Amino acid sequence: MTQTSSTATVDIIREIISNDALEPGYRALCLAIPSEADIAREIGTDIDPDAIHKARNIFLDAVANGCRGEFSNLCASMKTIGPFSPDAHSAGRRALHNAALSFLCRADGDIAAAADLFTTADNLTDRADALNILVQLSPKSDTTANALSQFKNMFADDPIVLDKWFSIQALVPGETTLARVIQLTRDEKFSFENPNRVRALIGTFTAGNATGFNREDGEGYQFLCGVIEKIDGINPQVAARLMTAMRSWRLLEPKRKAKALDALSTLARKDAISRDVRDILERTMA
């Protein structure tokens, strides 16, 4: 995207989010910038996840800075007043408020407003959205670490919400997230025998975190293939499902493509692989 087209797109976004005649939920959807995976699919070949991540961040910064005033106004006007309501209009207002908050925190380089929302939220949507903003914009800060700890303690006995806690962390972009994911597999709330927990952490990381999984050194591919081998003896169907994260390896740039093939070849040489995994593996490598 050229600078001219980027500026034009930011102008369109500003016009949409400022239009009070449009439903808040619709305006929130218009702020859902295409994911790195969406962009990679459009590129189609010779994909460099790091380059996509860098370009997408440049655009996100352009939107955040170009519409900062509008985002500040939306955070004020869409702030929930009164008790939580699950109706569609209220849900749309929350979605638009939280989307605007994410961009405002990005523009200001300050996560204080997101931390405040996390602390004061009276519903799971706001609290989870605030946690996601903290994790995405400041994954290593003490503020984020404290919020993660509080969220885990709050929902320690709710497996569905706790799955979200794992997923949010799995989506932190960058090569250091692999170490975080490995550490989370040792968490007392994680079990390779829990299919939903495996999908929440490892499935989210491999399918949704382009830069974290597609590390240039190939360690993400080696990690996944090692996990597949481990889980295959517990639940072949889950292992086979995880295998699908490698389907697009041929579309990567040459260095990553070679690393992915090396990991797949190592897995293919294993004798004790289930028919479920072997079938997906052979199709992937064909």
Protein backbone atom coordinates (compact mmCIF):
# COMPACT_ATOMS: atom_id res chain seq x y z
CA MET A 1 0.00 0.00 0.00
CA THR A 2 1.41 3.37 -1.04
CA GLN A 3 1.44 6.37 1.28
CA THR A 4 -1.29 7.99 -0.82
CA SER A 5 -3.58 4.95 -0.68
CA SER A 6 -2.87 4.54 3.03
CA THR A 7 -3.87 8.15 3.70
CA ALA A 8 -7.03 7.70 1.65
CA THR A 9 -7.93 4.56 3.61
CA VAL A 10 -7.39 6.34 6.92
CA ASP A 11 -9.68 9.13 5.69
CA ILE A 12 -12.38 6.58 4.88
CA ILE A 13 -12.03 4.96 8.30
CA ARG A 14 -12.27 8.37 9.98
CA GLU A 15 -15.45 9.16 8.06
CA ILE A 16 -17.06 5.85 8.99
CA ILE A 17 -16.26 5.87 12.70
CA SER A 18 -17.39 9.50 13.01
CA ASN A 19 -20.77 8.80 11.42
CA ASP A 20 -23.25 8.54 14.30
CA ALA A 21 -25.95 7.45 11.87
CA LEU A 22 -24.18 4.10 11.57
CA GLU A 23 -24.64 1.39 14.19
CA PRO A 24 -21.75 1.15 16.68
CA GLY A 25 -21.37 -2.55 15.95
CA TYR A 26 -20.92 -1.84 12.25
CA ARG A 27 -18.33 0.84 12.95
CA ALA A 28 -16.48 -1.58 15.21
CA LEU A 29 -16.36 -4.15 12.41
CA CYS A 30 -14.87 -1.53 10.09
CA LEU A 31 -12.01 -1.14 12.57
CA ALA A 32 -11.18 -4.85 12.33
CA ILE A 33 -8.09 -4.48 10.15
CA PRO A 34 -7.35 -7.64 8.08
CA SER A 35 -5.18 -10.09 10.00
CA GLU A 36 -1.68 -11.07 8.99
CA ALA A 37 -3.06 -14.43 7.85
CA ASP A 38 -5.63 -12.65 5.64
CA ILE A 39 -2.89 -10.53 4.09
CA ALA A 40 -0.69 -13.58 3.52
CA ARG A 41 -3.51 -15.34 1.67
CA GLU A 42 -3.89 -12.33 -0.60
CA ILE A 43 -0.14 -12.28 -1.34
CA GLY A 44 -0.24 -16.00 -2.10
CA THR A 45 3.43 -16.84 -2.64
CA ASP A 46 6.90 -16.12 -1.25
CA ILE A 47 5.35 -15.04 2.05
CA ASP A 48 7.53 -13.32 4.64
CA PRO A 49 5.48 -13.11 7.88
CA ASP A 50 7.87 -10.59 9.44
CA ALA A 51 7.50 -8.22 6.50
CA ILE A 52 3.71 -8.52 6.66
CA HIS A 53 3.77 -7.85 10.40
CA LYS A 54 5.92 -4.76 9.94
CA ALA A 55 3.75 -3.36 7.14
CA ARG A 56 0.52 -4.03 9.03
CA ASN A 57 1.88 -2.28 12.12
CA ILE A 58 2.80 0.75 10.02
CA PHE A 59 -0.80 0.89 8.81
CA LEU A 60 -2.21 0.40 12.31
CA ASP A 61 -0.05 3.28 13.51
CA ALA A 62 -1.29 5.42 10.64
CA VAL A 63 -4.91 4.72 11.59
CA ALA A 64 -4.23 5.27 15.30
CA ASN A 65 -2.44 8.56 14.80
CA GLY A 66 -4.62 9.79 11.94
CA CYS A 67 -7.85 9.21 13.85
CA ARG A 68 -6.64 9.86 17.37
CA GLY A 69 -9.18 12.59 18.06
CA GLU A 70 -12.03 10.43 16.83
CA PHE A 71 -10.88 7.50 18.96
CA SER A 72 -10.70 9.70 22.03
CA ASN A 73 -14.25 10.92 21.38
CA LEU A 74 -15.52 7.37 20.89
CA CYS A 75 -13.93 6.19 24.12
CA ALA A 76 -15.87 8.91 25.92
CA SER A 77 -19.19 8.62 24.08
CA MET A 78 -19.33 4.81 23.94
CA LYS A 79 -18.33 4.23 27.55
CA THR A 80 -20.83 2.02 29.32
CA ILE A 81 -23.01 3.85 31.83
CA GLY A 82 -25.12 1.80 34.17
CA PRO A 83 -25.36 -1.98 34.59
CA PHE A 84 -24.22 -4.46 31.97
CA SER A 85 -26.74 -5.35 29.26
CA PRO A 86 -26.30 -8.18 26.72
CA ASP A 87 -28.56 -6.66 24.04
CA ALA A 88 -27.16 -6.15 20.55
CA HIS A 89 -26.96 -2.36 20.71
CA SER A 90 -25.07 -2.42 24.02
CA ALA A 91 -22.75 -5.10 22.68
CA GLY A 92 -22.04 -2.92 19.65
CA ARG A 93 -21.24 0.05 21.83
CA ARG A 94 -18.82 -2.05 23.90
CA ALA A 95 -17.16 -3.38 20.74
CA LEU A 96 -16.70 0.11 19.31
CA HIS A 97 -15.45 1.51 22.62
CA ASN A 98 -12.89 -1.25 23.04
CA ALA A 99 -11.71 -1.07 19.43
CA ALA A 100 -11.27 2.69 19.79
CA LEU A 101 -9.45 2.18 23.09
CA SER A 102 -6.96 -0.16 21.45
CA PHE A 103 -6.11 2.41 18.79
CA LEU A 104 -5.98 5.24 21.32
CA CYS A 105 -3.52 3.33 23.51
CA ARG A 106 -1.44 2.65 20.40
CA ALA A 107 -1.44 6.29 19.37
CA ASP A 108 -0.49 7.48 22.86
CA GLY A 109 2.02 4.72 23.55
CA ASP A 110 0.31 4.33 26.92
CA ILE A 111 -1.66 1.33 28.24
CA ALA A 112 -2.99 3.08 31.36
CA ALA A 113 -6.52 3.42 29.95
CA ALA A 114 -6.63 -0.29 29.09
CA ALA A 115 -5.34 -1.17 32.55
CA ASP A 116 -8.09 1.01 34.05
CA LEU A 117 -10.76 -0.75 31.98
CA PHE A 118 -9.42 -4.11 33.09
CA THR A 119 -9.67 -3.07 36.75
CA THR A 120 -13.12 -1.46 36.58
CA ALA A 121 -14.86 -3.79 34.10
CA ASP A 122 -18.08 -5.39 35.32
CA ASN A 123 -18.30 -7.91 32.48
CA LEU A 124 -16.09 -10.52 30.83
CA THR A 125 -16.12 -8.86 27.39
CA ASP A 126 -14.57 -5.62 28.61
CA ARG A 127 -12.12 -7.37 30.91
CA ALA A 128 -10.93 -9.79 28.21
CA ASP A 129 -10.69 -7.01 25.59
CA ALA A 130 -8.66 -4.90 28.00
CA LEU A 131 -6.36 -7.81 28.75
CA ASN A 132 -5.86 -8.40 25.03
CA ILE A 133 -4.88 -4.75 24.52
CA LEU A 134 -2.36 -4.98 27.36
CA VAL A 135 -0.87 -8.21 26.04
CA GLN A 136 -0.66 -7.00 22.45
CA LEU A 137 0.79 -3.55 23.18
CA SER A 138 2.91 -4.24 26.25
CA PRO A 139 3.42 -8.00 26.71
CA LYS A 140 6.44 -7.71 29.01
CA SER A 141 5.26 -4.97 31.35
CA ASP A 142 4.51 -5.49 35.04
CA THR A 143 1.03 -4.07 34.44
CA THR A 144 0.29 -6.78 31.91
CA ALA A 145 1.81 -9.51 34.08
CA ASN A 146 -0.38 -8.43 36.99
CA ALA A 147 -3.49 -8.37 34.81
CA LEU A 148 -2.75 -11.84 33.49
CA SER A 149 -2.34 -13.13 37.02
CA GLN A 150 -5.57 -11.50 38.18
CA PHE A 151 -7.53 -12.81 35.20
CA LYS A 152 -6.27 -16.35 35.80
CA ASN A 153 -7.19 -16.20 39.47
CA MET A 154 -10.63 -14.78 38.74
CA PHE A 155 -11.54 -17.53 36.30
CA ALA A 156 -9.43 -20.43 37.54
CA ASP A 157 -12.51 -22.64 37.82
CA ASP A 158 -14.07 -21.64 34.49
CA PRO A 159 -12.43 -23.78 31.78
CA ILE A 160 -13.93 -21.87 28.84
CA VAL A 161 -12.73 -18.49 30.08
CA LEU A 162 -9.38 -19.93 31.07
CA ASP A 163 -8.98 -21.20 27.51
CA LYS A 164 -9.27 -17.55 26.47
CA TRP A 165 -6.48 -16.66 28.90
CA PHE A 166 -4.20 -19.11 27.11
CA SER A 167 -5.29 -17.96 23.63
CA ILE A 168 -4.69 -14.28 24.34
CA GLN A 169 -1.09 -15.01 25.26
CA ALA A 170 -0.55 -17.29 22.28
CA LEU A 171 -1.30 -14.41 19.92
CA VAL A 172 1.47 -12.06 21.07
CA PRO A 173 3.40 -11.38 17.84
CA GLY A 174 7.12 -11.99 17.53
CA GLU A 175 9.63 -14.78 17.87
CA THR A 176 9.79 -14.64 21.67
CA THR A 177 6.23 -15.94 21.99
CA LEU A 178 7.37 -19.51 21.35
CA ALA A 179 9.16 -19.47 24.70
CA ARG A 180 6.00 -18.13 26.34
CA VAL A 181 3.92 -20.92 24.80
CA ILE A 182 6.39 -23.58 25.90
CA GLN A 183 6.30 -22.16 29.42
CA LEU A 184 2.50 -22.18 29.37
CA THR A 185 2.48 -25.89 28.51
CA ARG A 186 4.05 -26.35 31.96
CA ASP A 187 1.34 -24.32 33.70
CA GLU A 188 -0.69 -26.27 36.24
CA LYS A 189 -3.84 -25.40 34.31
CA PHE A 190 -2.54 -26.89 31.06
CA SER A 191 -2.77 -30.53 30.06
CA PHE A 192 -1.96 -32.22 26.78
CA GLU A 193 -4.85 -34.54 27.60
CA ASN A 194 -7.33 -31.63 27.45
CA PRO A 195 -8.24 -31.11 23.75
CA ASN A 196 -9.82 -27.70 24.29
CA ARG A 197 -6.80 -26.45 26.22
CA VAL A 198 -4.45 -27.75 23.52
CA ARG A 199 -6.46 -26.00 20.81
CA ALA A 200 -6.64 -22.80 22.87
CA LEU A 201 -2.89 -22.56 23.34
CA ILE A 202 -1.08 -24.51 20.65
CA GLY A 203 -3.80 -24.37 18.01
CA THR A 204 -4.14 -20.61 18.41
CA PHE A 205 -0.38 -20.10 18.32
CA THR A 206 0.26 -22.17 15.20
CA ALA A 207 -2.81 -21.09 13.24
CA GLY A 208 -3.13 -17.47 14.38
CA ASN A 209 0.34 -16.15 15.22
CA ALA A 210 2.16 -15.75 11.93
CA THR A 211 5.38 -14.23 13.25
CA GLY A 212 5.54 -16.36 16.39
CA PHE A 213 4.98 -19.67 14.65
CA ASN A 214 6.83 -18.94 11.41
CA ARG A 215 10.11 -18.04 13.06
CA GLU A 216 12.92 -17.70 10.57
CA ASP A 217 14.97 -20.31 12.44
CA GLY A 218 12.24 -22.94 12.03
CA GLU A 219 11.87 -23.57 15.76
CA GLY A 220 8.12 -23.02 15.56
CA TYR A 221 7.77 -25.87 13.07
CA GLN A 222 9.96 -28.16 15.14
CA PHE A 223 7.90 -27.34 18.22
CA LEU A 224 4.61 -28.14 16.50
CA CYS A 225 5.84 -31.41 15.06
CA GLY A 226 7.15 -32.41 18.49
CA VAL A 227 3.78 -31.61 20.06
CA ILE A 228 1.96 -33.56 17.35
CA GLU A 229 4.12 -36.60 18.05
CA LYS A 230 3.40 -36.25 21.77
CA ILE A 231 -0.36 -35.77 21.42
CA ASP A 232 -0.72 -38.44 18.74
CA GLY A 233 -0.44 -41.12 21.39
CA ILE A 234 -3.19 -39.43 23.44
CA ASN A 235 -5.64 -38.14 20.86
CA PRO A 236 -4.81 -38.75 17.17
CA GLN A 237 -7.72 -36.61 15.99
CA VAL A 238 -6.46 -33.53 17.85
CA ALA A 239 -2.92 -34.21 16.62
CA ALA A 240 -4.16 -34.43 13.04
CA ARG A 241 -6.06 -31.18 13.44
CA LEU A 242 -2.93 -29.41 14.66
CA MET A 243 -1.11 -30.76 11.62
CA THR A 244 -3.26 -28.56 9.35
CA ALA A 245 -1.31 -25.48 10.51
CA MET A 246 1.45 -26.65 8.17
CA ARG A 247 -0.72 -26.77 5.05
CA SER A 248 0.57 -23.51 3.57
CA TRP A 249 4.28 -24.20 4.07
CA ARG A 250 4.94 -24.20 0.30
CA LEU A 251 3.77 -20.58 0.08
CA LEU A 252 6.48 -19.30 2.42
CA GLU A 253 9.67 -17.59 1.35
CA PRO A 254 12.49 -20.08 0.55
CA LYS A 255 14.29 -20.09 3.90
CA ARG A 256 11.18 -20.73 5.95
CA LYS A 257 9.92 -23.20 3.39
CA ALA A 258 13.10 -25.26 3.79
CA LYS A 259 12.81 -25.17 7.59
CA ALA A 260 9.18 -26.27 7.44
CA LEU A 261 10.00 -29.15 5.12
CA ASP A 262 12.81 -30.25 7.43
CA ALA A 263 10.40 -30.40 10.38
CA LEU A 264 7.80 -32.28 8.35
CA SER A 265 10.39 -34.75 7.09
CA THR A 266 11.59 -35.42 10.63
CA LEU A 267 8.03 -36.19 11.71
CA ALA A 268 7.44 -38.38 8.65
CA ARG A 269 10.38 -40.60 9.63
CA LYS A 270 8.76 -41.47 12.94
CA ASP A 271 7.41 -45.01 13.00
CA ALA A 272 4.71 -44.66 15.64
CA ILE A 273 2.48 -42.13 13.87
CA SER A 274 -1.25 -42.72 13.77
CA ARG A 275 -3.12 -43.15 10.53
CA ASP A 276 -4.93 -39.84 11.19
CA VAL A 277 -1.69 -37.86 11.37
CA ARG A 278 0.02 -39.84 8.61
CA ASP A 279 -2.84 -39.07 6.24
CA ILE A 280 -2.67 -35.29 6.83
CA LEU A 281 1.13 -35.36 6.81
CA GLU A 282 1.34 -37.12 3.44
CA ARG A 283 -1.19 -34.74 1.93
CA THR A 284 0.70 -31.78 3.30
CA MET A 285 4.00 -32.96 1.86
CA ALA A 286 2.61 -34.17 -1.47
